[in-house]
């Protein structure tokens, strides 16, 4: 199994920057790929 914990989100103004982190633990050697998705209210999840 793999456990994932995201952090780094917040509120920024347009034009600004953020750095998100995803800490993985468990069987990380088995990971073929890692991805970031997002989902906005009322919208489908986006890769």
ModelCIF file with pLDDT and N, C-alpha, C, O atoms, coordinates in Angstrom:
data_MODEL
#
_entry.id   MODEL 
#
_entity.id                         1 
_entity.type                       polymer 
_entity.pdbx_number_of_molecules   1 
#
_entity_poly.entity_id                      1 
_entity_poly.type                           'polypeptide(L)' 
_entity_poly.nstd_linkage                   no 
_entity_poly.nstd_monomer                   no 
_entity_poly.pdbx_seq_one_letter_code       
;(UNK)(UNK)(UNK)(UNK)(UNK)(UNK)(UNK)(UNK)(UNK)(UNK)(UNK)(UNK)(UNK)(UNK)(UNK)(UNK)
(UNK)(UNK)(UNK)(UNK)(UNK)(UNK)(UNK)(UNK)(UNK)(UNK)(UNK)(UNK)(UNK)(UNK)(UNK)(UNK)
(UNK)(UNK)(UNK)(UNK)(UNK)(UNK)(UNK)(UNK)(UNK)(UNK)(UNK)(UNK)(UNK)(UNK)(UNK)
;
_entity_poly.pdbx_seq_one_letter_code_can   XXXXXXXXXXXXXXXXXXXXXXXXXXXXXXXXXXXXXXXXXXXXXXX 
_entity_poly.pdbx_strand_id                 A 
#
loop_
_entity_poly_seq.entity_id 
_entity_poly_seq.num 
_entity_poly_seq.mon_id 
_entity_poly_seq.hetero 
1 1  UNK n 
1 2  UNK n 
1 3  UNK n 
1 4  UNK n 
1 5  UNK n 
1 6  UNK n 
1 7  UNK n 
1 8  UNK n 
1 9  UNK n 
1 10 UNK n 
1 11 UNK n 
1 12 UNK n 
1 13 UNK n 
1 14 UNK n 
1 15 UNK n 
1 16 UNK n 
1 17 UNK n 
1 18 UNK n 
1 19 UNK n 
1 20 UNK n 
1 21 UNK n 
1 22 UNK n 
1 23 UNK n 
1 24 UNK n 
1 25 UNK n 
1 26 UNK n 
1 27 UNK n 
1 28 UNK n 
1 29 UNK n 
1 30 UNK n 
1 31 UNK n 
1 32 UNK n 
1 33 UNK n 
1 34 UNK n 
1 35 UNK n 
1 36 UNK n 
1 37 UNK n 
1 38 UNK n 
1 39 UNK n 
1 40 UNK n 
1 41 UNK n 
1 42 UNK n 
1 43 UNK n 
1 44 UNK n 
1 45 UNK n 
1 46 UNK n 
1 47 UNK n 
#
_struct_asym.id          A 
_struct_asym.entity_id   1 
#
loop_
_ma_qa_metric.id 
_ma_qa_metric.mode 
_ma_qa_metric.name 
_ma_qa_metric.software_group_id 
_ma_qa_metric.type 
1 global pLDDT . pLDDT 
2 local  pLDDT . pLDDT 
#
_ma_qa_metric_global.metric_id      1 
_ma_qa_metric_global.metric_value   94.40 
_ma_qa_metric_global.model_id       1 
_ma_qa_metric_global.ordinal_id     1 
#
loop_
_ma_qa_metric_local.label_asym_id 
_ma_qa_metric_local.label_comp_id 
_ma_qa_metric_local.label_seq_id 
_ma_qa_metric_local.metric_id 
_ma_qa_metric_local.metric_value 
_ma_qa_metric_local.model_id 
_ma_qa_metric_local.ordinal_id 
A UNK 1  2 87.00 1 1  
A UNK 2  2 92.00 1 2  
A UNK 3  2 94.00 1 3  
A UNK 4  2 95.00 1 4  
A UNK 5  2 95.00 1 5  
A UNK 6  2 96.00 1 6  
A UNK 7  2 96.00 1 7  
A UNK 8  2 97.00 1 8  
A UNK 9  2 97.00 1 9  
A UNK 10 2 98.00 1 10 
A UNK 11 2 98.00 1 11 
A UNK 12 2 98.00 1 12 
A UNK 13 2 98.00 1 13 
A UNK 14 2 98.00 1 14 
A UNK 15 2 98.00 1 15 
A UNK 16 2 98.00 1 16 
A UNK 17 2 98.00 1 17 
A UNK 18 2 98.00 1 18 
A UNK 19 2 98.00 1 19 
A UNK 20 2 98.00 1 20 
A UNK 21 2 97.00 1 21 
A UNK 22 2 96.00 1 22 
A UNK 23 2 95.00 1 23 
A UNK 24 2 92.00 1 24 
A UNK 25 2 92.00 1 25 
A UNK 26 2 90.00 1 26 
A UNK 27 2 84.00 1 27 
A UNK 28 2 82.00 1 28 
A UNK 29 2 81.00 1 29 
A UNK 30 2 83.00 1 30 
A UNK 31 2 86.00 1 31 
A UNK 32 2 90.00 1 32 
A UNK 33 2 93.00 1 33 
A UNK 34 2 95.00 1 34 
A UNK 35 2 96.00 1 35 
A UNK 36 2 98.00 1 36 
A UNK 37 2 98.00 1 37 
A UNK 38 2 98.00 1 38 
A UNK 39 2 98.00 1 39 
A UNK 40 2 97.00 1 40 
A UNK 41 2 92.00 1 41 
A UNK 42 2 93.00 1 42 
A UNK 43 2 96.00 1 43 
A UNK 44 2 96.00 1 44 
A UNK 45 2 97.00 1 45 
A UNK 46 2 97.00 1 46 
A UNK 47 2 98.00 1 47 
#
loop_
_atom_site.group_PDB 
_atom_site.id 
_atom_site.type_symbol 
_atom_site.label_atom_id 
_atom_site.label_alt_id 
_atom_site.label_comp_id 
_atom_site.label_asym_id 
_atom_site.label_entity_id 
_atom_site.label_seq_id 
_atom_site.pdbx_PDB_ins_code 
_atom_site.Cartn_x 
_atom_site.Cartn_y 
_atom_site.Cartn_z 
_atom_site.occupancy 
_atom_site.B_iso_or_equiv 
_atom_site.pdbx_formal_charge 
_atom_site.auth_seq_id 
_atom_site.auth_comp_id 
_atom_site.auth_asym_id 
_atom_site.auth_atom_id 
_atom_site.pdbx_PDB_model_num 
ATOM 1   N N  . UNK A 1 1  ? 0.824   -1.180 0.000   1.00 87.00 ? 1  UNK A N  1 
ATOM 2   C CA . UNK A 1 1  ? 0.000   0.000  0.000   1.00 87.00 ? 1  UNK A CA 1 
ATOM 3   C C  . UNK A 1 1  ? 0.872   1.248  0.000   1.00 87.00 ? 1  UNK A C  1 
ATOM 4   O O  . UNK A 1 1  ? 2.033   1.220  0.407   1.00 87.00 ? 1  UNK A O  1 
ATOM 5   N N  . UNK A 1 2  ? 0.289   2.325  -0.460  1.00 92.00 ? 2  UNK A N  1 
ATOM 6   C CA . UNK A 1 2  ? 0.948   3.614  -0.493  1.00 92.00 ? 2  UNK A CA 1 
ATOM 7   C C  . UNK A 1 2  ? 0.053   4.614  0.210   1.00 92.00 ? 2  UNK A C  1 
ATOM 8   O O  . UNK A 1 2  ? -1.155  4.657  -0.022  1.00 92.00 ? 2  UNK A O  1 
ATOM 9   N N  . UNK A 1 3  ? 0.653   5.413  1.065   1.00 94.00 ? 3  UNK A N  1 
ATOM 10  C CA . UNK A 1 3  ? -0.062  6.478  1.732   1.00 94.00 ? 3  UNK A CA 1 
ATOM 11  C C  . UNK A 1 3  ? 0.459   7.814  1.214   1.00 94.00 ? 3  UNK A C  1 
ATOM 12  O O  . UNK A 1 3  ? 1.664   7.999  1.049   1.00 94.00 ? 3  UNK A O  1 
ATOM 13  N N  . UNK A 1 4  ? -0.446  8.728  0.964   1.00 95.00 ? 4  UNK A N  1 
ATOM 14  C CA . UNK A 1 4  ? -0.106  10.018 0.392   1.00 95.00 ? 4  UNK A CA 1 
ATOM 15  C C  . UNK A 1 4  ? -0.703  11.119 1.249   1.00 95.00 ? 4  UNK A C  1 
ATOM 16  O O  . UNK A 1 4  ? -1.869  11.057 1.639   1.00 95.00 ? 4  UNK A O  1 
ATOM 17  N N  . UNK A 1 5  ? 0.103   12.120 1.535   1.00 95.00 ? 5  UNK A N  1 
ATOM 18  C CA . UNK A 1 5  ? -0.349  13.265 2.312   1.00 95.00 ? 5  UNK A CA 1 
ATOM 19  C C  . UNK A 1 5  ? 0.058   14.529 1.583   1.00 95.00 ? 5  UNK A C  1 
ATOM 20  O O  . UNK A 1 5  ? 1.246   14.798 1.404   1.00 95.00 ? 5  UNK A O  1 
ATOM 21  N N  . UNK A 1 6  ? -0.932  15.309 1.161   1.00 96.00 ? 6  UNK A N  1 
ATOM 22  C CA . UNK A 1 6  ? -0.671  16.566 0.479   1.00 96.00 ? 6  UNK A CA 1 
ATOM 23  C C  . UNK A 1 6  ? -0.580  17.708 1.484   1.00 96.00 ? 6  UNK A C  1 
ATOM 24  O O  . UNK A 1 6  ? -1.168  17.662 2.565   1.00 96.00 ? 6  UNK A O  1 
ATOM 25  N N  . UNK A 1 7  ? 0.163   18.719 1.101   1.00 96.00 ? 7  UNK A N  1 
ATOM 26  C CA . UNK A 1 7  ? 0.238   19.935 1.885   1.00 96.00 ? 7  UNK A CA 1 
ATOM 27  C C  . UNK A 1 7  ? 0.643   21.077 0.965   1.00 96.00 ? 7  UNK A C  1 
ATOM 28  O O  . UNK A 1 7  ? 1.055   20.856 -0.174  1.00 96.00 ? 7  UNK A O  1 
ATOM 29  N N  . UNK A 1 8  ? 0.524   22.283 1.465   1.00 97.00 ? 8  UNK A N  1 
ATOM 30  C CA . UNK A 1 8  ? 0.994   23.442 0.737   1.00 97.00 ? 8  UNK A CA 1 
ATOM 31  C C  . UNK A 1 8  ? -0.081  24.292 0.102   1.00 97.00 ? 8  UNK A C  1 
ATOM 32  O O  . UNK A 1 8  ? 0.217   25.348 -0.457  1.00 97.00 ? 8  UNK A O  1 
ATOM 33  N N  . UNK A 1 9  ? -1.318  23.859 0.174   1.00 97.00 ? 9  UNK A N  1 
ATOM 34  C CA . UNK A 1 9  ? -2.385  24.662 -0.383  1.00 97.00 ? 9  UNK A CA 1 
ATOM 35  C C  . UNK A 1 9  ? -2.622  25.917 0.432   1.00 97.00 ? 9  UNK A C  1 
ATOM 36  O O  . UNK A 1 9  ? -2.104  26.070 1.538   1.00 97.00 ? 9  UNK A O  1 
ATOM 37  N N  . UNK A 1 10 ? -3.406  26.801 -0.130  1.00 98.00 ? 10 UNK A N  1 
ATOM 38  C CA . UNK A 1 10 ? -3.711  28.040 0.550   1.00 98.00 ? 10 UNK A CA 1 
ATOM 39  C C  . UNK A 1 10 ? -4.383  29.019 -0.370  1.00 98.00 ? 10 UNK A C  1 
ATOM 40  O O  . UNK A 1 10 ? -4.858  28.669 -1.450  1.00 98.00 ? 10 UNK A O  1 
ATOM 41  N N  . UNK A 1 11 ? -4.414  30.253 0.076   1.00 98.00 ? 11 UNK A N  1 
ATOM 42  C CA . UNK A 1 11 ? -5.043  31.346 -0.655  1.00 98.00 ? 11 UNK A CA 1 
ATOM 43  C C  . UNK A 1 11 ? -3.966  32.259 -1.201  1.00 98.00 ? 11 UNK A C  1 
ATOM 44  O O  . UNK A 1 11 ? -3.112  32.741 -0.458  1.00 98.00 ? 11 UNK A O  1 
ATOM 45  N N  . UNK A 1 12 ? -4.009  32.493 -2.500  1.00 98.00 ? 12 UNK A N  1 
ATOM 46  C CA . UNK A 1 12 ? -3.064  33.396 -3.148  1.00 98.00 ? 12 UNK A CA 1 
ATOM 47  C C  . UNK A 1 12 ? -3.814  34.282 -4.129  1.00 98.00 ? 12 UNK A C  1 
ATOM 48  O O  . UNK A 1 12 ? -4.919  33.960 -4.566  1.00 98.00 ? 12 UNK A O  1 
ATOM 49  N N  . UNK A 1 13 ? -3.197  35.397 -4.463  1.00 98.00 ? 13 UNK A N  1 
ATOM 50  C CA . UNK A 1 13 ? -3.748  36.265 -5.482  1.00 98.00 ? 13 UNK A CA 1 
ATOM 51  C C  . UNK A 1 13 ? -3.342  35.791 -6.867  1.00 98.00 ? 13 UNK A C  1 
ATOM 52  O O  . UNK A 1 13 ? -2.325  35.119 -7.037  1.00 98.00 ? 13 UNK A O  1 
ATOM 53  N N  . UNK A 1 14 ? -4.145  36.148 -7.845  1.00 98.00 ? 14 UNK A N  1 
ATOM 54  C CA . UNK A 1 14 ? -3.815  35.827 -9.227  1.00 98.00 ? 14 UNK A CA 1 
ATOM 55  C C  . UNK A 1 14 ? -2.419  36.333 -9.561  1.00 98.00 ? 14 UNK A C  1 
ATOM 56  O O  . UNK A 1 14 ? -2.033  37.442 -9.191  1.00 98.00 ? 14 UNK A O  1 
ATOM 57  N N  . UNK A 1 15 ? -1.684  35.503 -10.262 1.00 98.00 ? 15 UNK A N  1 
ATOM 58  C CA . UNK A 1 15 ? -0.304  35.813 -10.586 1.00 98.00 ? 15 UNK A CA 1 
ATOM 59  C C  . UNK A 1 15 ? 0.700   35.302 -9.580  1.00 98.00 ? 15 UNK A C  1 
ATOM 60  O O  . UNK A 1 15 ? 1.904   35.315 -9.836  1.00 98.00 ? 15 UNK A O  1 
ATOM 61  N N  . UNK A 1 16 ? 0.220   34.853 -8.444  1.00 98.00 ? 16 UNK A N  1 
ATOM 62  C CA . UNK A 1 16 ? 1.098   34.349 -7.412  1.00 98.00 ? 16 UNK A CA 1 
ATOM 63  C C  . UNK A 1 16 ? 1.484   32.908 -7.634  1.00 98.00 ? 16 UNK A C  1 
ATOM 64  O O  . UNK A 1 16 ? 1.162   32.306 -8.658  1.00 98.00 ? 16 UNK A O  1 
ATOM 65  N N  . UNK A 1 17 ? 2.185   32.366 -6.647  1.00 98.00 ? 17 UNK A N  1 
ATOM 66  C CA . UNK A 1 17 ? 2.711   31.012 -6.738  1.00 98.00 ? 17 UNK A CA 1 
ATOM 67  C C  . UNK A 1 17 ? 2.442   30.236 -5.466  1.00 98.00 ? 17 UNK A C  1 
ATOM 68  O O  . UNK A 1 17 ? 2.349   30.803 -4.377  1.00 98.00 ? 17 UNK A O  1 
ATOM 69  N N  . UNK A 1 18 ? 2.321   28.946 -5.623  1.00 98.00 ? 18 UNK A N  1 
ATOM 70  C CA . UNK A 1 18 ? 2.243   28.013 -4.514  1.00 98.00 ? 18 UNK A CA 1 
ATOM 71  C C  . UNK A 1 18 ? 3.030   26.768 -4.886  1.00 98.00 ? 18 UNK A C  1 
ATOM 72  O O  . UNK A 1 18 ? 3.174   26.431 -6.061  1.00 98.00 ? 18 UNK A O  1 
ATOM 73  N N  . UNK A 1 19 ? 3.532   26.100 -3.873  1.00 98.00 ? 19 UNK A N  1 
ATOM 74  C CA . UNK A 1 19 ? 4.210   24.829 -4.067  1.00 98.00 ? 19 UNK A CA 1 
ATOM 75  C C  . UNK A 1 19 ? 3.516   23.776 -3.224  1.00 98.00 ? 19 UNK A C  1 
ATOM 76  O O  . UNK A 1 19 ? 3.532   23.835 -1.994  1.00 98.00 ? 19 UNK A O  1 
ATOM 77  N N  . UNK A 1 20 ? 2.913   22.821 -3.890  1.00 98.00 ? 20 UNK A N  1 
ATOM 78  C CA . UNK A 1 20 ? 2.262   21.721 -3.213  1.00 98.00 ? 20 UNK A CA 1 
ATOM 79  C C  . UNK A 1 20 ? 3.246   20.574 -3.023  1.00 98.00 ? 20 UNK A C  1 
ATOM 80  O O  . UNK A 1 20 ? 4.120   20.338 -3.856  1.00 98.00 ? 20 UNK A O  1 
ATOM 81  N N  . UNK A 1 21 ? 3.084   19.875 -1.920  1.00 97.00 ? 21 UNK A N  1 
ATOM 82  C CA . UNK A 1 21 ? 3.911   18.718 -1.633  1.00 97.00 ? 21 UNK A CA 1 
ATOM 83  C C  . UNK A 1 21 ? 3.031   17.502 -1.424  1.00 97.00 ? 21 UNK A C  1 
ATOM 84  O O  . UNK A 1 21 ? 1.924   17.608 -0.896  1.00 97.00 ? 21 UNK A O  1 
ATOM 85  N N  . UNK A 1 22 ? 3.519   16.366 -1.832  1.00 96.00 ? 22 UNK A N  1 
ATOM 86  C CA . UNK A 1 22 ? 2.854   15.091 -1.608  1.00 96.00 ? 22 UNK A CA 1 
ATOM 87  C C  . UNK A 1 22 ? 3.884   14.134 -1.047  1.00 96.00 ? 22 UNK A C  1 
ATOM 88  O O  . UNK A 1 22 ? 4.784   13.687 -1.759  1.00 96.00 ? 22 UNK A O  1 
ATOM 89  N N  . UNK A 1 23 ? 3.751   13.823 0.221   1.00 95.00 ? 23 UNK A N  1 
ATOM 90  C CA . UNK A 1 23 ? 4.663   12.904 0.881   1.00 95.00 ? 23 UNK A CA 1 
ATOM 91  C C  . UNK A 1 23 ? 4.115   11.491 0.774   1.00 95.00 ? 23 UNK A C  1 
ATOM 92  O O  . UNK A 1 23 ? 2.998   11.211 1.209   1.00 95.00 ? 23 UNK A O  1 
ATOM 93  N N  . UNK A 1 24 ? 4.900   10.618 0.201   1.00 92.00 ? 24 UNK A N  1 
ATOM 94  C CA . UNK A 1 24 ? 4.498   9.234  -0.007  1.00 92.00 ? 24 UNK A CA 1 
ATOM 95  C C  . UNK A 1 24 ? 5.212   8.330  0.983   1.00 92.00 ? 24 UNK A C  1 
ATOM 96  O O  . UNK A 1 24 ? 6.389   8.522  1.289   1.00 92.00 ? 24 UNK A O  1 
ATOM 97  N N  . UNK A 1 25 ? 4.493   7.359  1.468   1.00 92.00 ? 25 UNK A N  1 
ATOM 98  C CA . UNK A 1 25 ? 5.072   6.354  2.335   1.00 92.00 ? 25 UNK A CA 1 
ATOM 99  C C  . UNK A 1 25 ? 4.467   4.998  1.998   1.00 92.00 ? 25 UNK A C  1 
ATOM 100 O O  . UNK A 1 25 ? 3.470   4.909  1.281   1.00 92.00 ? 25 UNK A O  1 
ATOM 101 N N  . UNK A 1 26 ? 5.075   3.960  2.517   1.00 90.00 ? 26 UNK A N  1 
ATOM 102 C CA . UNK A 1 26 ? 4.642   2.617  2.195   1.00 90.00 ? 26 UNK A CA 1 
ATOM 103 C C  . UNK A 1 26 ? 5.507   2.026  1.099   1.00 90.00 ? 26 UNK A C  1 
ATOM 104 O O  . UNK A 1 26 ? 6.725   2.204  1.084   1.00 90.00 ? 26 UNK A O  1 
ATOM 105 N N  . UNK A 1 27 ? 4.870   1.330  0.193   1.00 84.00 ? 27 UNK A N  1 
ATOM 106 C CA . UNK A 1 27 ? 5.593   0.642  -0.872  1.00 84.00 ? 27 UNK A CA 1 
ATOM 107 C C  . UNK A 1 27 ? 5.854   1.588  -2.035  1.00 84.00 ? 27 UNK A C  1 
ATOM 108 O O  . UNK A 1 27 ? 5.338   1.405  -3.137  1.00 84.00 ? 27 UNK A O  1 
ATOM 109 N N  . UNK A 1 28 ? 6.666   2.602  -1.763  1.00 82.00 ? 28 UNK A N  1 
ATOM 110 C CA . UNK A 1 28 ? 6.899   3.614  -2.787  1.00 82.00 ? 28 UNK A CA 1 
ATOM 111 C C  . UNK A 1 28 ? 7.677   3.056  -3.970  1.00 82.00 ? 28 UNK A C  1 
ATOM 112 O O  . UNK A 1 28 ? 7.627   3.620  -5.063  1.00 82.00 ? 28 UNK A O  1 
ATOM 113 N N  . UNK A 1 29 ? 8.387   1.968  -3.768  1.00 81.00 ? 29 UNK A N  1 
ATOM 114 C CA . UNK A 1 29 ? 9.125   1.363  -4.868  1.00 81.00 ? 29 UNK A CA 1 
ATOM 115 C C  . UNK A 1 29 ? 8.200   0.792  -5.925  1.00 81.00 ? 29 UNK A C  1 
ATOM 116 O O  . UNK A 1 29 ? 8.621   0.548  -7.056  1.00 81.00 ? 29 UNK A O  1 
ATOM 117 N N  . UNK A 1 30 ? 6.958   0.580  -5.569  1.00 83.00 ? 30 UNK A N  1 
ATOM 118 C CA . UNK A 1 30 ? 5.996   0.002  -6.498  1.00 83.00 ? 30 UNK A CA 1 
ATOM 119 C C  . UNK A 1 30 ? 5.278   1.043  -7.343  1.00 83.00 ? 30 UNK A C  1 
ATOM 120 O O  . UNK A 1 30 ? 4.459   0.690  -8.192  1.00 83.00 ? 30 UNK A O  1 
ATOM 121 N N  . UNK A 1 31 ? 5.567   2.305  -7.127  1.00 86.00 ? 31 UNK A N  1 
ATOM 122 C CA . UNK A 1 31 ? 4.852   3.366  -7.829  1.00 86.00 ? 31 UNK A CA 1 
ATOM 123 C C  . UNK A 1 31 ? 5.348   3.461  -9.270  1.00 86.00 ? 31 UNK A C  1 
ATOM 124 O O  . UNK A 1 31 ? 6.541   3.634  -9.519  1.00 86.00 ? 31 UNK A O  1 
ATOM 125 N N  . UNK A 1 32 ? 4.429   3.347  -10.197 1.00 90.00 ? 32 UNK A N  1 
ATOM 126 C CA . UNK A 1 32 ? 4.753   3.498  -11.610 1.00 90.00 ? 32 UNK A CA 1 
ATOM 127 C C  . UNK A 1 32 ? 4.778   4.957  -12.041 1.00 90.00 ? 32 UNK A C  1 
ATOM 128 O O  . UNK A 1 32 ? 5.589   5.363  -12.874 1.00 90.00 ? 32 UNK A O  1 
ATOM 129 N N  . UNK A 1 33 ? 3.889   5.724  -11.467 1.00 93.00 ? 33 UNK A N  1 
ATOM 130 C CA . UNK A 1 33 ? 3.799   7.135  -11.782 1.00 93.00 ? 33 UNK A CA 1 
ATOM 131 C C  . UNK A 1 33 ? 3.068   7.829  -10.649 1.00 93.00 ? 33 UNK A C  1 
ATOM 132 O O  . UNK A 1 33 ? 2.291   7.214  -9.919  1.00 93.00 ? 33 UNK A O  1 
ATOM 133 N N  . UNK A 1 34 ? 3.327   9.105  -10.517 1.00 95.00 ? 34 UNK A N  1 
ATOM 134 C CA . UNK A 1 34 ? 2.567   9.919  -9.590  1.00 95.00 ? 34 UNK A CA 1 
ATOM 135 C C  . UNK A 1 34 ? 1.959   11.074 -10.357 1.00 95.00 ? 34 UNK A C  1 
ATOM 136 O O  . UNK A 1 34 ? 2.546   11.591 -11.308 1.00 95.00 ? 34 UNK A O  1 
ATOM 137 N N  . UNK A 1 35 ? 0.788   11.465 -9.932  1.00 96.00 ? 35 UNK A N  1 
ATOM 138 C CA . UNK A 1 35 ? 0.033   12.474 -10.647 1.00 96.00 ? 35 UNK A CA 1 
ATOM 139 C C  . UNK A 1 35 ? -0.591  13.458 -9.674  1.00 96.00 ? 35 UNK A C  1 
ATOM 140 O O  . UNK A 1 35 ? -0.858  13.147 -8.513  1.00 96.00 ? 35 UNK A O  1 
ATOM 141 N N  . UNK A 1 36 ? -0.807  14.630 -10.183 1.00 98.00 ? 36 UNK A N  1 
ATOM 142 C CA . UNK A 1 36 ? -1.626  15.609 -9.505  1.00 98.00 ? 36 UNK A CA 1 
ATOM 143 C C  . UNK A 1 36 ? -2.913  15.786 -10.297 1.00 98.00 ? 36 UNK A C  1 
ATOM 144 O O  . UNK A 1 36 ? -2.892  16.014 -11.506 1.00 98.00 ? 36 UNK A O  1 
ATOM 145 N N  . UNK A 1 37 ? -4.014  15.679 -9.602  1.00 98.00 ? 37 UNK A N  1 
ATOM 146 C CA . UNK A 1 37 ? -5.326  15.980 -10.132 1.00 98.00 ? 37 UNK A CA 1 
ATOM 147 C C  . UNK A 1 37 ? -5.886  17.181 -9.383  1.00 98.00 ? 37 UNK A C  1 
ATOM 148 O O  . UNK A 1 37 ? -5.403  17.550 -8.312  1.00 98.00 ? 37 UNK A O  1 
ATOM 149 N N  . UNK A 1 38 ? -6.893  17.768 -9.957  1.00 98.00 ? 38 UNK A N  1 
ATOM 150 C CA . UNK A 1 38 ? -7.617  18.799 -9.244  1.00 98.00 ? 38 UNK A CA 1 
ATOM 151 C C  . UNK A 1 38 ? -9.094  18.701 -9.585  1.00 98.00 ? 38 UNK A C  1 
ATOM 152 O O  . UNK A 1 38 ? -9.475  18.208 -10.647 1.00 98.00 ? 38 UNK A O  1 
ATOM 153 N N  . UNK A 1 39 ? -9.901  19.173 -8.676  1.00 98.00 ? 39 UNK A N  1 
ATOM 154 C CA . UNK A 1 39 ? -11.332 19.192 -8.880  1.00 98.00 ? 39 UNK A CA 1 
ATOM 155 C C  . UNK A 1 39 ? -11.895 20.483 -8.315  1.00 98.00 ? 39 UNK A C  1 
ATOM 156 O O  . UNK A 1 39 ? -11.781 20.762 -7.121  1.00 98.00 ? 39 UNK A O  1 
ATOM 157 N N  . UNK A 1 40 ? -12.499 21.258 -9.189  1.00 97.00 ? 40 UNK A N  1 
ATOM 158 C CA . UNK A 1 40 ? -13.148 22.489 -8.803  1.00 97.00 ? 40 UNK A CA 1 
ATOM 159 C C  . UNK A 1 40 ? -14.621 22.217 -8.553  1.00 97.00 ? 40 UNK A C  1 
ATOM 160 O O  . UNK A 1 40 ? -15.168 21.248 -9.079  1.00 97.00 ? 40 UNK A O  1 
ATOM 161 N N  . UNK A 1 41 ? -15.270 23.058 -7.757  1.00 92.00 ? 41 UNK A N  1 
ATOM 162 C CA . UNK A 1 41 ? -16.698 22.839 -7.498  1.00 92.00 ? 41 UNK A CA 1 
ATOM 163 C C  . UNK A 1 41 ? -17.509 22.771 -8.783  1.00 92.00 ? 41 UNK A C  1 
ATOM 164 O O  . UNK A 1 41 ? -17.384 23.627 -9.658  1.00 92.00 ? 41 UNK A O  1 
ATOM 165 N N  . UNK A 1 42 ? -18.333 21.750 -8.885  1.00 93.00 ? 42 UNK A N  1 
ATOM 166 C CA . UNK A 1 42 ? -19.191 21.588 -10.038 1.00 93.00 ? 42 UNK A CA 1 
ATOM 167 C C  . UNK A 1 42 ? -18.512 21.093 -11.286 1.00 93.00 ? 42 UNK A C  1 
ATOM 168 O O  . UNK A 1 42 ? -19.142 21.027 -12.342 1.00 93.00 ? 42 UNK A O  1 
ATOM 169 N N  . UNK A 1 43 ? -17.252 20.745 -11.200 1.00 96.00 ? 43 UNK A N  1 
ATOM 170 C CA . UNK A 1 43 ? -16.508 20.300 -12.364 1.00 96.00 ? 43 UNK A CA 1 
ATOM 171 C C  . UNK A 1 43 ? -15.934 18.915 -12.135 1.00 96.00 ? 43 UNK A C  1 
ATOM 172 O O  . UNK A 1 43 ? -15.764 18.471 -10.999 1.00 96.00 ? 43 UNK A O  1 
ATOM 173 N N  . UNK A 1 44 ? -15.640 18.247 -13.234 1.00 96.00 ? 44 UNK A N  1 
ATOM 174 C CA . UNK A 1 44 ? -15.038 16.925 -13.156 1.00 96.00 ? 44 UNK A CA 1 
ATOM 175 C C  . UNK A 1 44 ? -13.584 17.028 -12.718 1.00 96.00 ? 44 UNK A C  1 
ATOM 176 O O  . UNK A 1 44 ? -12.928 18.053 -12.904 1.00 96.00 ? 44 UNK A O  1 
ATOM 177 N N  . UNK A 1 45 ? -13.104 15.949 -12.138 1.00 97.00 ? 45 UNK A N  1 
ATOM 178 C CA . UNK A 1 45 ? -11.707 15.887 -11.758 1.00 97.00 ? 45 UNK A CA 1 
ATOM 179 C C  . UNK A 1 45 ? -10.836 15.969 -13.007 1.00 97.00 ? 45 UNK A C  1 
ATOM 180 O O  . UNK A 1 45 ? -11.115 15.320 -14.015 1.00 97.00 ? 45 UNK A O  1 
ATOM 181 N N  . UNK A 1 46 ? -9.790  16.765 -12.930 1.00 97.00 ? 46 UNK A N  1 
ATOM 182 C CA . UNK A 1 46 ? -8.926  17.055 -14.059 1.00 97.00 ? 46 UNK A CA 1 
ATOM 183 C C  . UNK A 1 46 ? -7.502  16.610 -13.757 1.00 97.00 ? 46 UNK A C  1 
ATOM 184 O O  . UNK A 1 46 ? -6.969  16.886 -12.682 1.00 97.00 ? 46 UNK A O  1 
ATOM 185 N N  . UNK A 1 47 ? -6.899  15.928 -14.702 1.00 98.00 ? 47 UNK A N  1 
ATOM 186 C CA . UNK A 1 47 ? -5.496  15.553 -14.571 1.00 98.00 ? 47 UNK A CA 1 
ATOM 187 C C  . UNK A 1 47 ? -4.629  16.769 -14.845 1.00 98.00 ? 47 UNK A C  1 
ATOM 188 O O  . UNK A 1 47 ? -3.403  16.678 -14.788 1.00 98.00 ? 47 UNK A O  1 
#
